[in-house]
Each structure stands twice: as structure tokens, then as C-alpha cells.
Amino acid sequence: MQTAPKRLLRNSALATIFSFLPITMLLAPPAGAQSLNASNIFAGYSFTQASVFSGQHPNLDGWNVSLEKRYFPYLSIVLDFSGHYGSTGILRSDCTTTLPSGCLVNSSVNEHLFQFGVRGGYAGHRFRPFGEILFGAAVIDQNGPGVTDRRSVLAETFGGGMDVRIRGRFAWRLDAGMVQTGAFVSQNRSVRASTGLVVHF
């Protein structure tokens, strides 16, 4: 189970992001059907099965925000940020592998990705499939009784998804990709999937 401060941090981040979605929809000026290839802001829910340093692969949930600026008809530059939170059981370093009582302890896990890259897509009237390549860094924290680990590593994401028009400048996004963290022989791979609202401008 996550500690109260970790749950509060995660819930506050999610509440802040989703509180802006209805406000954005209310304040946005009326517009006709804008191209799904236009520059946009995305905010939504995100899930990943992280690869942490203790060897586990916990399921984490959180948020994903991105800013996409179109420079060519089918090619854009993307800034992408995400945070994922959860917990996993780990074996204390002073215990043997026979798992005596009290040796398996709970630890909180946080993973934040800070990336930029390129996204290419073709927009029809209602749908826009796209592919993307992102590069940057991952900051992974794992904390529990007798366990504290914080590392910053390189990160690359290779993925794609689809935007589905809702109305006017608004669309809904489904996005998934393979995230690689670390370098060379120490690379770990995990899947990240996100969904949420897109506002074009």
C-alpha cells in the first residue's frame, strides 16, 4: 500500500490536470473543424509497467502531458512529460532468499519521464494515426523500510497512436509506446499507454 504522502502527491497531480480540461473547453473560442494535424496540447491518464532496480515490474498509474508544435504538413516537434506512481514488495538487503517473516517489505515507486522528439501523422476528417520517437531522461525513485534508491537514466520512447475528433478543436487520444531506460547492456524496457483530451490551436 502506498504511503499517505505518495497517494496525496499522485491524487493532487491527477486532480490538477483533469480540473483544467473542462475549463479549457469552456474558455476556448468557437471554431470550425480544425485539422487534426494542427499544433495541440494533450493531457490525460497514463499507465506503465515499470522496470525498477530491485528487479520487479510493478503496474504504475499517473498522468501524461504533451505539447505538439507543427512545423511541416505531416511532421511536428513534441515535448512530453509524464509521472507514474505505485508500489511493490521487495526483499530487504539484510535477509536471505528464504523469505523469513518481515523480510518482504513494501516500497513506493515513482517514475517521471522528461522527453522531446518528433511525431509524424496523416489526418483524415475524423481520425489521425501517428507515430513518434522521443528522447530524454527518466527519474526513478524507490523507497521503503531499509531501501532508498533514486536514479536518473537516459530514456527513449518508440510509439504511436490515434486522435479521434470529438468536435471542433477537440479530440480524444489513444497513445502507446515502448519505453527504454538506461544504456547499452543495462537497458530496461516497459510499455506506456495514455489516453486523454487533445485541444488544437
Protein backbone atom coordinates (compact mmCIF):
# COMPACT_ATOMS: atom_id res chain seq x y z
CA MET A 1 0.00 0.00 0.00
CA GLN A 2 1.26 3.50 -0.85
CA THR A 3 2.06 5.89 1.98
CA ALA A 4 -0.30 8.82 2.57
CA PRO A 5 2.13 11.49 1.19
CA LYS A 6 2.68 9.47 -2.01
CA ARG A 7 -1.07 8.95 -2.52
CA LEU A 8 -1.67 12.65 -1.87
CA LEU A 9 1.01 13.66 -4.42
CA ARG A 10 -0.40 11.38 -7.09
CA ASN A 11 -4.03 12.33 -6.49
CA SER A 12 -3.17 16.05 -6.41
CA ALA A 13 -1.32 15.80 -9.74
CA LEU A 14 -4.20 13.95 -11.40
CA ALA A 15 -6.79 16.34 -9.95
CA THR A 16 -4.84 19.39 -11.18
CA ILE A 17 -4.54 18.04 -14.72
CA PHE A 18 -8.15 16.97 -15.10
CA SER A 19 -9.51 20.15 -13.49
CA PHE A 20 -8.09 22.12 -16.42
CA LEU A 21 -9.88 20.04 -19.07
CA PRO A 22 -13.44 21.40 -18.60
CA ILE A 23 -12.05 24.92 -18.07
CA THR A 24 -10.15 24.70 -21.36
CA MET A 25 -13.27 23.54 -23.17
CA LEU A 26 -15.33 26.41 -21.76
CA LEU A 27 -12.77 29.14 -22.47
CA ALA A 28 -11.69 28.01 -25.94
CA PRO A 29 -13.13 30.27 -28.67
CA PRO A 30 -15.64 28.65 -31.04
CA ALA A 31 -14.10 27.23 -34.16
CA GLY A 32 -14.96 25.05 -37.10
CA ALA A 33 -13.49 21.63 -37.68
CA GLN A 34 -9.75 22.25 -37.38
CA SER A 35 -7.19 19.91 -38.94
CA LEU A 36 -6.15 17.07 -36.66
CA ASN A 37 -2.59 17.78 -37.84
CA ALA A 38 -2.65 21.21 -36.15
CA SER A 39 -0.50 22.07 -33.12
CA ASN A 40 -2.06 20.85 -29.90
CA ILE A 41 -1.92 20.29 -26.14
CA PHE A 42 -2.69 16.87 -24.64
CA ALA A 43 -3.46 15.92 -21.03
CA GLY A 44 -4.69 12.62 -19.69
CA TYR A 45 -4.31 9.39 -17.75
CA SER A 46 -1.26 7.16 -18.23
CA PHE A 47 -0.31 3.60 -17.29
CA THR A 48 3.04 1.81 -17.34
CA GLN A 49 4.57 -1.45 -16.16
CA ALA A 50 7.89 -0.07 -14.97
CA SER A 51 11.22 -1.88 -14.71
CA VAL A 52 12.68 -0.92 -11.33
CA PHE A 53 16.18 -1.55 -9.99
CA SER A 54 15.10 -4.21 -7.48
CA GLY A 55 14.03 -6.40 -10.42
CA GLN A 56 10.24 -6.09 -10.14
CA HIS A 57 7.84 -4.81 -12.79
CA PRO A 58 5.08 -3.01 -10.85
CA ASN A 59 1.98 -1.58 -12.52
CA LEU A 60 2.01 2.21 -12.10
CA ASP A 61 -0.65 4.77 -12.99
CA GLY A 62 -0.42 8.53 -13.31
CA TRP A 63 -0.56 11.34 -15.84
CA ASN A 64 0.81 12.36 -19.23
CA VAL A 65 1.01 15.89 -20.70
CA SER A 66 2.44 16.88 -24.07
CA LEU A 67 2.80 19.94 -26.29
CA GLU A 68 2.98 19.39 -30.04
CA LYS A 69 4.06 22.15 -32.44
CA ARG A 70 3.60 21.51 -36.16
CA TYR A 71 6.40 22.79 -38.42
CA PHE A 72 5.71 20.76 -41.58
CA PRO A 73 2.45 19.41 -43.05
CA TYR A 74 2.88 15.95 -41.52
CA LEU A 75 5.72 16.41 -39.03
CA SER A 76 5.78 18.04 -35.58
CA ILE A 77 8.10 18.64 -32.63
CA VAL A 78 6.85 17.24 -29.31
CA LEU A 79 7.59 17.97 -25.63
CA ASP A 80 6.33 15.12 -23.45
CA PHE A 81 6.16 14.79 -19.65
CA SER A 82 4.67 12.00 -17.53
CA GLY A 83 4.57 10.77 -13.95
CA HIS A 84 3.63 7.30 -12.70
CA TYR A 85 3.13 6.13 -9.12
CA GLY A 86 2.63 2.82 -7.33
CA SER A 87 4.25 0.29 -5.02
CA THR A 88 5.88 -3.14 -5.00
CA GLY A 89 7.20 -5.67 -2.48
CA ILE A 90 10.99 -6.08 -2.26
CA LEU A 91 13.39 -8.25 -0.27
CA ARG A 92 15.38 -6.38 2.36
CA SER A 93 19.14 -6.45 1.74
CA ASP A 94 19.85 -7.98 5.18
CA CYS A 95 17.62 -11.01 4.54
CA THR A 96 18.23 -14.33 2.84
CA THR A 97 16.24 -15.61 -0.13
CA THR A 98 14.26 -17.97 2.16
CA LEU A 99 11.86 -15.06 2.84
CA PRO A 100 11.55 -15.22 6.65
CA SER A 101 8.77 -13.18 8.24
CA GLY A 102 9.31 -9.42 7.84
CA CYS A 103 11.85 -9.65 5.04
CA LEU A 104 9.42 -8.80 2.22
CA VAL A 105 8.69 -5.09 2.67
CA ASN A 106 6.55 -2.65 0.73
CA SER A 107 8.23 0.14 -1.24
CA SER A 108 6.77 3.09 -3.11
CA VAL A 109 7.81 3.59 -6.74
CA ASN A 110 7.71 6.86 -8.71
CA GLU A 111 8.80 7.25 -12.33
CA HIS A 112 8.94 10.60 -14.17
CA LEU A 113 9.79 10.96 -17.87
CA PHE A 114 11.02 14.19 -19.48
CA GLN A 115 11.28 13.79 -23.25
CA PHE A 116 11.23 15.57 -26.61
CA GLY A 117 11.16 14.29 -30.17
CA VAL A 118 9.28 14.13 -33.45
CA ARG A 119 5.79 12.93 -34.35
CA GLY A 120 4.50 12.22 -37.83
CA GLY A 121 0.89 11.62 -38.79
CA TYR A 122 -1.72 11.83 -41.51
CA ALA A 123 -5.09 13.40 -40.66
CA GLY A 124 -8.40 12.48 -42.20
CA HIS A 125 -11.60 14.26 -41.28
CA ARG A 126 -12.19 12.27 -38.08
CA PHE A 127 -9.08 10.20 -37.44
CA ARG A 128 -5.36 10.88 -37.26
CA PRO A 129 -2.98 7.92 -36.84
CA PHE A 130 0.58 8.90 -35.88
CA GLY A 131 3.99 7.56 -34.92
CA GLU A 132 6.58 9.16 -32.65
CA ILE A 133 10.16 8.91 -31.42
CA LEU A 134 11.03 10.61 -28.11
CA PHE A 135 14.34 11.04 -26.27
CA GLY A 136 15.17 12.37 -22.84
CA ALA A 137 15.57 11.23 -19.25
CA ALA A 138 13.76 9.15 -16.64
CA VAL A 139 13.95 9.78 -12.89
CA ILE A 140 13.02 6.68 -10.88
CA ASP A 141 12.53 6.68 -7.10
CA GLN A 142 12.08 3.55 -4.97
CA ASN A 143 11.64 3.98 -1.23
CA GLY A 144 10.74 1.63 1.63
CA PRO A 145 11.95 0.40 5.04
CA GLY A 146 15.69 -0.06 4.64
CA VAL A 147 15.52 0.73 0.90
CA THR A 148 16.17 4.08 -0.76
CA ASP A 149 17.12 4.37 -4.41
CA ARG A 150 16.92 7.34 -6.79
CA ARG A 151 18.42 7.21 -10.26
CA SER A 152 18.36 9.37 -13.37
CA VAL A 153 18.86 7.49 -16.65
CA LEU A 154 18.50 8.01 -20.37
CA ALA A 155 15.08 7.24 -21.85
CA GLU A 156 13.74 6.66 -25.35
CA THR A 157 10.14 6.03 -26.38
CA PHE A 158 9.08 4.46 -29.68
CA GLY A 159 5.34 4.53 -30.12
CA GLY A 160 2.24 5.65 -31.89
CA GLY A 161 -1.45 6.21 -31.51
CA MET A 162 -4.56 7.84 -32.87
CA ASP A 163 -6.51 11.07 -32.37
CA VAL A 164 -10.30 10.85 -32.82
CA ARG A 165 -12.17 14.08 -33.40
CA ILE A 166 -14.85 14.95 -30.83
CA ARG A 167 -15.99 18.36 -32.04
CA GLY A 168 -14.31 21.44 -33.49
CA ARG A 169 -10.85 21.82 -31.99
CA PHE A 170 -11.25 18.91 -29.53
CA ALA A 171 -10.17 15.30 -30.00
CA TRP A 172 -9.55 12.18 -27.90
CA ARG A 173 -6.16 10.47 -27.98
CA LEU A 174 -5.09 6.84 -27.57
CA ASP A 175 -1.29 6.53 -27.34
CA ALA A 176 1.04 3.61 -26.58
CA GLY A 177 4.77 3.02 -26.85
CA MET A 178 7.81 1.04 -25.77
CA VAL A 179 9.95 2.94 -23.25
CA GLN A 180 13.65 2.05 -22.97
CA THR A 181 15.55 3.32 -19.94
CA GLY A 182 19.26 3.01 -19.21
CA ALA A 183 22.06 2.48 -21.70
CA PHE A 184 23.59 -0.47 -23.58
CA VAL A 185 23.66 -3.71 -21.54
CA SER A 186 21.72 -2.18 -18.61
CA GLN A 187 18.67 -1.22 -20.68
CA ASN A 188 15.18 -1.93 -19.34
CA ARG A 189 12.02 -1.94 -21.42
CA SER A 190 8.44 -1.20 -20.41
CA VAL A 191 5.14 -0.26 -22.05
CA ARG A 192 3.46 3.12 -21.53
CA ALA A 193 -0.16 3.74 -22.58
CA SER A 194 -2.00 7.06 -22.31
CA THR A 195 -5.45 8.41 -23.11
CA GLY A 196 -6.99 11.83 -22.72
CA LEU A 197 -8.18 15.09 -24.27
CA VAL A 198 -6.44 16.94 -27.12
CA VAL A 199 -7.02 20.68 -27.74
CA HIS A 200 -5.84 22.01 -31.12
CA PHE A 201 -4.76 25.60 -31.70
